[in-house]
Amino acid sequence: MVTRPVAAPAPTPTCDRSDVSAKTKSRRSLLRLLMGGSLAAVWTSLIYPMVRYLIPPAEASATTTETLAAAVGELKPNSAKTFRFGSHPALLVRLGNGEYRSMSAVCTHLGCTVQYQPDTQQVWCPCHNGRYDLTGRNIQGPPPRPLLTYDVKVHGEEIHVNRRQDA
């Protein structure tokens, strides 16, 4: 009888549960991080436009102090003209009594260009139906503050508009 050496039993695979648990935890952590980041990106993309709509844009300071707006005979009573004051549009209004008023033509809500409406004698913003009186005061709609107003001076046949000293 020939005896053969008996081989050592094959090692049984050991399953270290701490390794599996650590891999599962790190995988779960990664998935949570990715899901959380995705949700944050979606919510930010939804909320940001609403916040920008509600917060008016910051005003840029202009360096222009005076400009020629129009000739005296150019405006009829109860009419208006849009002109450039520096890099921004402005409005020159001639009232029915011949008096002139001037103000920025940039709405204080979202920066749309306003228009003079002779039938109501108000300044109107077509973007969100904001209204201002002829002193530039906001009287209706979403504009948060009055329009910037300018001083008007007539020099011979020219109408000049100046930045107010208190502005």
Protein backbone atom coordinates (compact mmCIF):
# COMPACT_ATOMS: atom_id res chain seq x y z
CA MET A 1 0.00 0.00 0.00
CA VAL A 2 1.48 3.15 -1.10
CA THR A 3 0.70 6.11 0.88
CA ARG A 4 0.66 9.38 -0.64
CA PRO A 5 1.25 12.42 1.30
CA VAL A 6 -1.94 14.13 2.12
CA ALA A 7 -2.05 17.63 0.87
CA ALA A 8 -2.98 20.33 3.20
CA PRO A 9 -6.57 21.25 2.87
CA ALA A 10 -7.23 24.13 0.47
CA PRO A 11 -7.53 27.36 2.30
CA THR A 12 -11.08 28.51 2.60
CA PRO A 13 -11.65 32.00 1.38
CA THR A 14 -12.25 34.29 4.23
CA CYS A 15 -14.59 37.14 3.71
CA ASP A 16 -13.56 40.06 5.82
CA ARG A 17 -16.81 41.88 6.43
CA SER A 18 -15.06 45.09 7.39
CA ASP A 19 -13.64 45.43 3.82
CA VAL A 20 -17.07 44.91 2.25
CA SER A 21 -18.66 47.30 4.70
CA ALA A 22 -16.03 49.96 4.03
CA LYS A 23 -16.44 49.63 0.26
CA THR A 24 -20.23 49.86 0.58
CA LYS A 25 -19.97 52.91 2.82
CA SER A 26 -17.55 54.71 0.51
CA ARG A 27 -19.73 53.86 -2.51
CA ARG A 28 -22.83 55.13 -0.69
CA SER A 29 -21.01 58.28 0.34
CA LEU A 30 -19.98 58.94 -3.24
CA LEU A 31 -23.53 58.37 -4.51
CA ARG A 32 -24.94 60.67 -1.82
CA LEU A 33 -22.42 63.34 -2.74
CA LEU A 34 -23.27 63.07 -6.44
CA MET A 35 -27.03 63.12 -5.79
CA GLY A 36 -26.72 66.06 -3.39
CA GLY A 37 -24.58 68.00 -5.85
CA SER A 38 -27.04 67.31 -8.66
CA LEU A 39 -29.99 68.45 -6.57
CA ALA A 40 -28.13 71.59 -5.52
CA ALA A 41 -27.33 72.40 -9.16
CA VAL A 42 -30.97 71.92 -10.21
CA TRP A 43 -32.31 74.07 -7.35
CA THR A 44 -29.75 76.79 -8.04
CA SER A 45 -30.69 76.88 -11.71
CA LEU A 46 -34.35 77.26 -10.74
CA ILE A 47 -33.96 79.80 -7.94
CA TYR A 48 -31.28 82.09 -9.44
CA PRO A 49 -33.51 83.61 -12.18
CA MET A 50 -36.23 84.34 -9.61
CA VAL A 51 -33.79 86.08 -7.29
CA ARG A 52 -32.34 88.14 -10.18
CA TYR A 53 -35.88 89.17 -11.13
CA LEU A 54 -36.65 90.40 -7.62
CA ILE A 55 -33.37 92.24 -7.01
CA PRO A 56 -32.92 95.32 -9.22
CA PRO A 57 -29.60 95.75 -11.00
CA ALA A 58 -26.93 97.95 -9.45
CA GLU A 59 -26.71 101.48 -10.77
CA ALA A 60 -23.55 102.49 -12.57
CA SER A 61 -22.33 105.99 -11.90
CA ALA A 62 -22.23 108.23 -14.92
CA THR A 63 -19.48 110.76 -15.50
CA THR A 64 -21.46 113.09 -17.78
CA THR A 65 -22.63 116.26 -16.06
CA GLU A 66 -24.27 118.17 -18.94
CA THR A 67 -25.54 117.48 -22.45
CA LEU A 68 -27.48 119.19 -25.21
CA ALA A 69 -30.89 117.49 -25.25
CA ALA A 70 -32.84 119.34 -27.96
CA ALA A 71 -33.52 122.60 -29.74
CA VAL A 72 -36.26 124.83 -28.30
CA GLY A 73 -38.64 124.41 -31.26
CA GLU A 74 -38.13 120.65 -31.46
CA LEU A 75 -40.74 119.67 -28.85
CA LYS A 76 -44.43 120.52 -29.00
CA PRO A 77 -46.37 121.00 -25.74
CA ASN A 78 -47.23 117.70 -24.01
CA SER A 79 -44.59 115.70 -25.90
CA ALA A 80 -41.25 114.07 -25.14
CA LYS A 81 -37.94 113.17 -26.71
CA THR A 82 -35.49 110.43 -25.79
CA PHE A 83 -31.83 111.47 -25.90
CA ARG A 84 -28.48 110.17 -24.65
CA PHE A 85 -27.16 111.43 -21.32
CA GLY A 86 -23.68 109.98 -21.27
CA SER A 87 -24.09 106.30 -22.07
CA HIS A 88 -27.69 106.05 -20.85
CA PRO A 89 -31.01 107.08 -22.40
CA ALA A 90 -32.82 110.04 -20.86
CA LEU A 91 -36.20 111.64 -21.40
CA LEU A 92 -36.98 115.32 -22.01
CA VAL A 93 -40.66 116.19 -21.54
CA ARG A 94 -42.30 119.47 -22.50
CA LEU A 95 -45.42 120.05 -20.42
CA GLY A 96 -48.56 121.77 -21.66
CA ASN A 97 -47.55 125.04 -19.97
CA GLY A 98 -44.19 125.06 -21.81
CA GLU A 99 -42.13 123.94 -18.81
CA TYR A 100 -39.50 121.21 -19.34
CA ARG A 101 -38.74 118.16 -17.20
CA SER A 102 -35.96 115.65 -17.68
CA MET A 103 -35.25 112.27 -16.13
CA SER A 104 -33.42 109.04 -16.76
CA ALA A 105 -35.21 106.78 -19.25
CA VAL A 106 -33.93 103.65 -17.49
CA CYS A 107 -36.53 101.92 -15.30
CA THR A 108 -35.28 101.31 -11.76
CA HIS A 109 -36.78 97.82 -11.74
CA LEU A 110 -34.89 95.91 -14.44
CA GLY A 111 -33.35 98.61 -16.61
CA CYS A 112 -35.92 98.73 -19.44
CA THR A 113 -36.32 101.99 -21.39
CA VAL A 114 -39.34 104.01 -20.26
CA GLN A 115 -41.66 106.07 -22.47
CA TYR A 116 -43.71 109.22 -21.99
CA GLN A 117 -47.48 108.80 -22.40
CA PRO A 118 -49.09 112.15 -23.26
CA ASP A 119 -52.67 110.97 -22.61
CA THR A 120 -51.95 110.15 -18.94
CA GLN A 121 -49.00 112.56 -18.57
CA GLN A 122 -47.01 109.76 -16.97
CA VAL A 123 -43.81 107.91 -17.73
CA TRP A 124 -44.48 104.23 -18.42
CA CYS A 125 -42.25 101.16 -18.42
CA PRO A 126 -43.55 98.60 -20.93
CA CYS A 127 -41.65 95.66 -19.40
CA HIS A 128 -43.74 95.25 -16.23
CA ASN A 129 -46.25 98.13 -16.44
CA GLY A 130 -44.39 100.37 -13.99
CA ARG A 131 -45.44 104.03 -13.91
CA TYR A 132 -43.77 107.25 -12.79
CA ASP A 133 -45.13 110.77 -12.45
CA LEU A 134 -43.41 113.72 -14.14
CA THR A 135 -41.20 114.32 -11.12
CA GLY A 136 -39.78 110.80 -11.61
CA ARG A 137 -41.54 109.36 -8.54
CA ASN A 138 -42.57 105.71 -8.88
CA ILE A 139 -46.36 105.51 -8.53
CA GLN A 140 -47.35 102.05 -9.82
CA GLY A 141 -45.88 98.63 -10.47
CA PRO A 142 -42.63 96.99 -9.43
CA PRO A 143 -40.08 99.87 -9.70
CA PRO A 144 -38.41 100.07 -6.26
CA ARG A 145 -37.28 103.71 -6.43
CA PRO A 146 -37.82 106.93 -8.40
CA LEU A 147 -36.13 107.76 -11.68
CA LEU A 148 -33.00 109.89 -11.56
CA THR A 149 -34.06 113.45 -12.48
CA TYR A 150 -32.02 116.15 -14.19
CA ASP A 151 -32.05 119.96 -14.19
CA VAL A 152 -33.17 121.58 -17.45
CA LYS A 153 -31.75 124.93 -18.60
CA VAL A 154 -32.67 126.80 -21.77
CA HIS A 155 -29.72 128.67 -23.32
CA GLY A 156 -30.97 130.67 -26.30
CA GLU A 157 -32.35 128.10 -28.76
CA GLU A 158 -30.81 125.08 -27.00
CA ILE A 159 -32.13 122.97 -24.15
CA HIS A 160 -29.35 121.66 -21.91
CA VAL A 161 -29.78 118.97 -19.29
CA ASN A 162 -27.52 118.91 -16.20
CA ARG A 163 -26.95 116.31 -13.53
CA ARG A 164 -28.45 117.52 -10.25
CA GLN A 165 -25.97 118.56 -7.60
CA ASP A 166 -27.75 116.43 -4.96
CA ALA A 167 -27.65 113.27 -7.15
